[in-house]
C-alpha atoms as a PDB file:
ATOM      1  CA  MET A   1     -43.288-170.940 -15.516  1.00  0.00           C
ATOM      2  CA  ASN A   2     -46.459-169.923 -13.721  1.00  0.00           C
ATOM      3  CA  ALA A   3     -46.848-173.483 -12.495  1.00  0.00           C
ATOM      4  CA  VAL A   4     -43.300-173.504 -11.110  1.00  0.00           C
ATOM      5  CA  LEU A   5     -43.826-170.148  -9.432  1.00  0.00           C
ATOM      6  CA  ALA A   6     -47.150-171.343  -7.987  1.00  0.00           C
ATOM      7  CA  THR A   7     -45.465-174.507  -6.710  1.00  0.00           C
ATOM      8  CA  LEU A   8     -42.662-172.508  -5.102  1.00  0.00           C
ATOM      9  CA  LEU A   9     -45.112-170.084  -3.508  1.00  0.00           C
ATOM     10  CA  GLY A  10     -47.250-172.986  -2.264  1.00  0.00           C
ATOM     11  CA  THR A  11     -44.206-174.687  -0.812  1.00  0.00           C
ATOM     12  CA  LEU A  12     -43.092-171.449   0.806  1.00  0.00           C
ATOM     13  CA  ALA A  13     -46.557-170.874   2.272  1.00  0.00           C
ATOM     14  CA  GLY A  14     -46.640-174.442   3.580  1.00  0.00           C
ATOM     15  CA  ALA A  15     -43.202-174.045   5.154  1.00  0.00           C
ATOM     16  CA  ILE A  16     -44.198-170.782   6.827  1.00  0.00           C
ATOM     17  CA  ALA A  17     -47.415-172.369   8.118  1.00  0.00           C
ATOM     18  CA  THR A  18     -45.450-175.355   9.454  1.00  0.00           C
ATOM     19  CA  ILE A  19     -42.924-173.087  11.174  1.00  0.00           C
ATOM     20  CA  GLY A  20     -45.749-170.982  12.620  1.00  0.00           C
ATOM     21  CA  ALA A  21     -47.585-174.063  13.908  1.00  0.00           C
ATOM     22  CA  ALA A  22     -44.393-175.459  15.440  1.00  0.00           C
ATOM     23  CA  THR A  23     -43.650-172.127  17.095  1.00  0.00           C
ATOM     24  CA  ALA A  24     -47.204-171.865  18.475  1.00  0.00           C
ATOM     25  CA  THR A  25     -47.097-175.455  19.720  1.00  0.00           C
ATOM     26  CA  GLY A  26     -43.721-174.895  21.381  1.00  0.00           C
ATOM     27  CA  TRP A  27     -44.950-171.711  23.029  1.00  0.00           C
ATOM     28  CA  ALA A  28     -48.116-173.454  24.272  1.00  0.00           C
ATOM     29  CA  GLN A  29     -46.064-176.334  25.691  1.00  0.00           C
ATOM     30  CA  ARG A  30     -43.636-173.966  27.441  1.00  0.00           C
ATOM     31  CA  GLU A  31     -46.508-171.919  28.853  1.00  0.00           C
ATOM     32  CA  GLY A  32     -48.251-175.111  30.024  1.00  0.00           C
ATOM     33  CA  ALA A  33     -45.029-176.209  31.736  1.00  0.00           C
ATOM     34  CA  ARG A  34     -44.692-172.785  33.409  1.00  0.00           C
ATOM     35  CA  ILE A  35     -48.279-172.941  34.662  1.00  0.00           C
ATOM     36  CA  ALA A  36     -47.730-176.454  36.025  1.00  0.00           C
ATOM     37  CA  ALA A  37     -44.466-175.405  37.692  1.00  0.00           C
ATOM     38  CA  ARG A  38     -46.136-172.374  39.325  1.00  0.00           C
ATOM     39  CA  ALA A  39     -49.018-174.528  40.567  1.00  0.00           C
ATOM     40  CA  ASN A  40     -46.589-177.086  41.954  1.00  0.00           C
ATOM     41  CA  HIS A  41     -44.538-174.344  43.634  1.00  0.00           C
ATOM     42  CA  ARG A  42     -47.674-172.847  45.218  1.00  0.00           C
ATOM     43  CA  THR A  43     -48.698-176.253  46.548  1.00  0.00           C
ATOM     44  CA  GLU A  44     -45.239-177.001  47.929  1.00  0.00           C
ATOM     45  CA  ARG A  45     -45.116-173.598  49.572  1.00  0.00           C
ATOM     46  CA  ARG A  46     -48.716-173.586  50.807  1.00  0.00           C
ATOM     47  CA  GLN A  47     -48.934-176.987  52.526  1.00  0.00           C
ATOM     48  CA  PRO A  48     -46.234-176.446  55.184  1.00  0.00           C
ATOM     49  CA  ARG A  49     -47.695-173.023  55.953  1.00  0.00           C
ATOM     50  CA  HIS A  50     -51.176-174.485  56.171  1.00  0.00           C
ATOM     51  CA  ASP A  51     -49.983-177.148  58.614  1.00  0.00           C
ATOM     52  CA  ALA A  52     -48.067-174.643  60.763  1.00  0.00           C
ATOM     53  CA  TYR A  53     -50.965-172.163  60.821  1.00  0.00           C
ATOM     54  CA  ALA A  54     -53.367-174.955  61.770  1.00  0.00           C
ATOM     55  CA  ALA A  55     -51.069-176.091  64.610  1.00  0.00           C
ATOM     56  CA  VAL A  56     -50.931-172.576  66.085  1.00  0.00           C
ATOM     57  CA  LEU A  57     -54.699-172.148  65.809  1.00  0.00           C
ATOM     58  CA  LYS A  58     -55.297-175.551  67.373  1.00  0.00           C
ATOM     59  CA  ALA A  59     -52.985-174.753  70.310  1.00  0.00           C
ATOM     60  CA  ALA A  60     -54.592-171.328  70.831  1.00  0.00           C
ATOM     61  CA  MET A  61     -58.081-172.806  70.658  1.00  0.00           C
ATOM     62  CA  ALA A  62     -57.117-175.423  73.270  1.00  0.00           C
ATOM     63  CA  ILE A  63     -56.210-172.577  75.633  1.00  0.00           C
ATOM     64  CA  ARG A  64     -59.375-170.689  74.732  1.00  0.00           C
ATOM     65  CA  GLU A  65     -61.532-173.759  75.364  1.00  0.00           C
ATOM     66  CA  ARG A  66     -59.786-174.388  78.673  1.00  0.00           C
ATOM     67  CA  VAL A  67     -60.555-170.842  79.776  1.00  0.00           C
ATOM     68  CA  ASP A  68     -64.168-171.260  78.661  1.00  0.00           C
ATOM     69  CA  LEU A  69     -64.557-174.155  81.117  1.00  0.00           C
ATOM     70  CA  GLU A  70     -64.284-171.607  83.941  1.00  0.00           C
ATOM     71  CA  SER A  71     -62.396-174.176  85.979  1.00  0.00           C
ATOM     72  CA  TYR A  72     -58.938-173.060  85.011  1.00  0.00           C
ATOM     73  CA  GLU A  73     -57.856-172.916  88.633  1.00  0.00           C
ATOM     74  CA  ASP A  74     -57.853-176.718  88.672  1.00  0.00           C
ATOM     75  CA  THR A  75     -55.177-177.016  86.007  1.00  0.00           C
ATOM     76  CA  SER A  76     -52.079-178.980  86.804  1.00  0.00           C
ATOM     77  CA  PRO A  77     -48.500-177.884  86.215  1.00  0.00           C
ATOM     78  CA  GLU A  78     -48.266-180.604  83.550  1.00  0.00           C
ATOM     79  CA  GLU A  79     -51.338-179.304  81.697  1.00  0.00           C
ATOM     80  CA  GLU A  80     -50.038-175.744  81.864  1.00  0.00           C
ATOM     81  CA  GLU A  81     -46.683-176.883  80.484  1.00  0.00           C
ATOM     82  CA  ARG A  82     -48.425-178.795  77.676  1.00  0.00           C
ATOM     83  CA  LEU A  83     -50.484-175.716  76.739  1.00  0.00           C
ATOM     84  CA  MET A  84     -47.337-173.541  76.719  1.00  0.00           C
ATOM     85  CA  GLU A  85     -45.392-176.039  74.613  1.00  0.00           C
ATOM     86  CA  GLY A  86     -48.240-176.360  72.114  1.00  0.00           C
ATOM     87  CA  ILE A  87     -48.366-172.664  71.342  1.00  0.00           C
ATOM     88  CA  SER A  88     -44.566-172.224  71.448  1.00  0.00           C
ATOM     89  CA  ASN A  89     -43.789-175.169  69.165  1.00  0.00           C
ATOM     90  CA  GLY A  90     -46.424-174.126  66.655  1.00  0.00           C
ATOM     91  CA  TRP A  91     -45.191-170.545  66.627  1.00  0.00           C
ATOM     92  CA  LEU A  92     -41.581-171.617  66.178  1.00  0.00           C
ATOM     93  CA  GLU A  93     -42.375-173.582  63.028  1.00  0.00           C
ATOM     94  CA  LEU A  94     -44.651-170.850  61.698  1.00  0.00           C
ATOM     95  CA  SER A  95     -42.040-168.149  62.267  1.00  0.00           C
ATOM     96  CA  LEU A  96     -39.691-169.951  59.890  1.00  0.00           C
ATOM     97  CA  LEU A  97     -42.318-170.177  57.136  1.00  0.00           C
ATOM     98  CA  GLY A  98     -43.631-166.611  57.120  1.00  0.00           C
ATOM     99  CA  PRO A  99     -44.750-164.348  55.583  1.00  0.00           C
ATOM    100  CA  PRO A 100     -44.128-161.407  57.925  1.00  0.00           C
ATOM    101  CA  SER A 101     -47.836-160.547  58.267  1.00  0.00           C
ATOM    102  CA  ALA A 102     -48.621-164.040  59.580  1.00  0.00           C
ATOM    103  CA  VAL A 103     -45.537-164.114  61.828  1.00  0.00           C
ATOM    104  CA  ILE A 104     -46.417-160.759  63.423  1.00  0.00           C
ATOM    105  CA  SER A 105     -50.008-161.812  63.972  1.00  0.00           C
ATOM    106  CA  ALA A 106     -48.939-165.192  65.388  1.00  0.00           C
ATOM    107  CA  SER A 107     -46.473-163.463  67.700  1.00  0.00           C
ATOM    108  CA  GLY A 108     -49.303-161.451  69.227  1.00  0.00           C
ATOM    109  CA  LEU A 109     -51.356-164.609  69.555  1.00  0.00           C
ATOM    110  CA  ARG A 110     -48.489-166.466  71.222  1.00  0.00           C
ATOM    111  CA  THR A 111     -47.935-163.641  73.723  1.00  0.00           C
ATOM    112  CA  THR A 112     -51.619-163.465  74.639  1.00  0.00           C
ATOM    113  CA  ALA A 113     -51.869-167.261  74.960  1.00  0.00           C
ATOM    114  CA  HIS A 114     -48.759-167.389  77.165  1.00  0.00           C
ATOM    115  CA  ASP A 115     -50.141-164.607  79.348  1.00  0.00           C
ATOM    116  CA  ILE A 116     -53.340-166.560  79.880  1.00  0.00           C
ATOM    117  CA  VAL A 117     -51.525-169.771  80.798  1.00  0.00           C
ATOM    118  CA  VAL A 118     -49.411-167.811  83.284  1.00  0.00           C
ATOM    119  CA  LEU A 119     -52.634-166.354  84.721  1.00  0.00           C
ATOM    120  CA  MET A 120     -54.152-169.849  84.900  1.00  0.00           C
ATOM    121  CA  ARG A 121     -51.119-170.972  86.910  1.00  0.00           C
ATOM    122  CA  LYS A 122     -51.473-167.916  89.148  1.00  0.00           C
ATOM    123  CA  ALA A 123     -55.214-168.582  89.631  1.00  0.00           C
ATOM    124  CA  ARG A 124     -54.444-172.184  90.593  1.00  0.00           C
ATOM    125  CA  VAL A 125     -51.883-171.102  93.204  1.00  0.00           C
ATOM    126  CA  LEU A 126     -54.018-168.241  94.542  1.00  0.00           C
ATOM    127  CA  GLY A 127     -57.099-170.473  94.627  1.00  0.00           C
ATOM    128  CA  GLN A 128     -55.208-173.007  96.738  1.00  0.00           C
ATOM    129  CA  ARG A 129     -53.998-170.246  99.051  1.00  0.00           C
ATOM    130  CA  PHE A 130     -57.529-168.899  99.363  1.00  0.00           C
ATOM    131  CA  LEU A 131     -58.934-172.350 100.203  1.00  0.00           C
ATOM    132  CA  GLU A 132     -56.172-172.931 102.748  1.00  0.00           C
ATOM    133  CA  SER A 133     -56.444-169.470 104.330  1.00  0.00           C
ATOM    134  CA  ASP A 134     -57.778-169.175 107.869  1.00  0.00           C
ATOM    135  CA  GLU A 135     -61.252-167.643 107.902  1.00  0.00           C
ATOM    136  CA  ASP A 136     -60.625-166.431 111.437  1.00  0.00           C
ATOM    137  CA  ASP A 137     -57.860-164.151 110.145  1.00  0.00           C
ATOM    138  CA  GLU A 138     -60.203-161.834 108.236  1.00  0.00           C
ATOM    139  CA  VAL A 139     -57.460-159.612 106.820  1.00  0.00           C
ATOM    140  CA  ALA A 140     -55.493-162.526 105.341  1.00  0.00           C
ATOM    141  CA  PHE A 141     -58.666-164.285 104.223  1.00  0.00           C
ATOM    142  CA  GLU A 142     -59.999-161.198 102.409  1.00  0.00           C
ATOM    143  CA  ALA A 143     -56.597-160.473 100.858  1.00  0.00           C
ATOM    144  CA  ALA A 144     -56.405-164.050  99.540  1.00  0.00           C
ATOM    145  CA  GLU A 145     -59.961-163.828  98.209  1.00  0.00           C
ATOM    146  CA  ARG A 146     -59.278-160.447  96.558  1.00  0.00           C
ATOM    147  CA  ALA A 147     -56.050-161.659  94.918  1.00  0.00           C
ATOM    148  CA  TYR A 148     -57.795-164.754  93.587  1.00  0.00           C
ATOM    149  CA  SER A 149     -60.833-162.811  92.327  1.00  0.00           C
ATOM    150  CA  THR A 150     -58.654-160.216  90.618  1.00  0.00           C
ATOM    151  CA  THR A 151     -56.738-162.930  88.781  1.00  0.00           C
ATOM    152  CA  VAL A 152     -59.971-164.637  87.697  1.00  0.00           C
ATOM    153  CA  ASP A 153     -61.311-161.312  86.381  1.00  0.00           C
ATOM    154  CA  THR A 154     -58.039-160.707  84.527  1.00  0.00           C
ATOM    155  CA  ILE A 155     -58.322-164.138  82.898  1.00  0.00           C
ATOM    156  CA  ALA A 156     -61.851-163.344  81.743  1.00  0.00           C
ATOM    157  CA  ASN A 157     -60.664-160.088  80.140  1.00  0.00           C
ATOM    158  CA  SER A 158     -57.643-161.817  78.627  1.00  0.00           C
ATOM    159  CA  ALA A 159     -59.905-164.492  77.120  1.00  0.00           C
ATOM    160  CA  ILE A 160     -61.660-161.775  75.124  1.00  0.00           C
ATOM    161  CA  ARG A 161     -58.284-160.497  73.925  1.00  0.00           C
ATOM    162  CA  LEU A 162     -57.248-164.065  73.062  1.00  0.00           C
ATOM    163  CA  GLN A 163     -60.335-164.527  70.898  1.00  0.00           C
ATOM    164  CA  GLU A 164     -59.567-161.254  69.112  1.00  0.00           C
ATOM    165  CA  THR A 165     -55.971-162.299  68.436  1.00  0.00           C
ATOM    166  CA  ILE A 166     -57.139-165.727  67.228  1.00  0.00           C
ATOM    167  CA  THR A 167     -59.422-164.006  64.739  1.00  0.00           C
ATOM    168  CA  LYS A 168     -56.686-161.605  63.583  1.00  0.00           C
ATOM    169  CA  PHE A 169     -54.258-164.469  63.111  1.00  0.00           C
ATOM    170  CA  ALA A 170     -56.818-166.585  61.251  1.00  0.00           C
ATOM    171  CA  LEU A 171     -57.425-163.704  58.828  1.00  0.00           C
ATOM    172  CA  ALA A 172     -53.694-163.082  58.333  1.00  0.00           C
ATOM    173  CA  ALA A 173     -53.061-166.808  57.823  1.00  0.00           C
ATOM    174  CA  SER A 174     -55.899-167.094  55.332  1.00  0.00           C
ATOM    175  CA  ALA A 175     -54.588-164.126  53.355  1.00  0.00           C
ATOM    176  CA  ALA A 176     -51.069-165.584  53.405  1.00  0.00           C
ATOM    177  CA  LEU A 177     -52.331-168.924  52.109  1.00  0.00           C
ATOM    178  CA  ASP A 178     -54.287-167.214  49.331  1.00  0.00           C
ATOM    179  CA  GLU A 179     -51.285-165.128  48.272  1.00  0.00           C
ATOM    180  CA  ASP A 180     -49.310-166.927  45.580  1.00  0.00           C
ATOM    181  CA  GLY A 181     -46.825-164.137  44.922  1.00  0.00           C
ATOM    182  CA  THR A 182     -48.068-163.283  41.434  1.00  0.00           C
ATOM    183  CA  GLU A 183     -49.189-159.774  42.379  1.00  0.00           C
ATOM    184  CA  SER A 184     -45.806-158.823  43.756  1.00  0.00           C
ATOM    185  CA  ARG A 185     -44.065-160.182  40.641  1.00  0.00           C
ATOM    186  CA  ARG A 186     -46.402-158.202  38.402  1.00  0.00           C
ATOM    187  CA  PHE A 187     -45.724-155.116  40.480  1.00  0.00           C
ATOM    188  CA  MET A 188     -41.989-155.710  40.294  1.00  0.00           C
ATOM    189  CA  ARG A 189     -42.143-155.957  36.488  1.00  0.00           C
ATOM    190  CA  ARG A 190     -43.919-152.624  36.258  1.00  0.00           C
ATOM    191  CA  SER A 191     -41.669-150.915  38.744  1.00  0.00           C
ATOM    192  CA  PRO A 192     -38.908-148.893  37.076  1.00  0.00           C
ATOM    193  CA  THR A 193     -36.520-149.645  39.958  1.00  0.00           C
ATOM    194  CA  ALA A 194     -37.005-153.421  39.916  1.00  0.00           C
END
């Protein structure tokens, strides 16, 4: 009888161990699948954002580099239009991808970049007027020179602001790309209202 009882207990222990191992294996496989799905989701979500953020930065840097040449008064209407389209198209795509912190930062960058391109256009027109003004008419000549100089000074100040907004956007974009959403989900689980 002891042998039968020992056999039954051994069989029961083996069955429990088998069930436990199967449960642990199933849990590990499900957890592995969840981890893979989260990683895949992060990649699918991150790549379009990365591309949109890079496009906006590239367009803003093109404007910044053009201003650094200190020959922005020789732009053409076509170049100005291309610079405007670059920043607008990049911002449009980015604004659809989010998150809000990156969109807000990019909006400030877009506004500053547009302002500079408008000033470049104004400097081009005022520079042409200044070059075509009659030196014999001192009042008109000095007014044309003053208007042109003021615009050039404004561009220089705006270039500093553009660099600051580029940096702010780059930091916001980097933080958005690093954020995978796990913190907010953890917070939501702990929150009694969620």
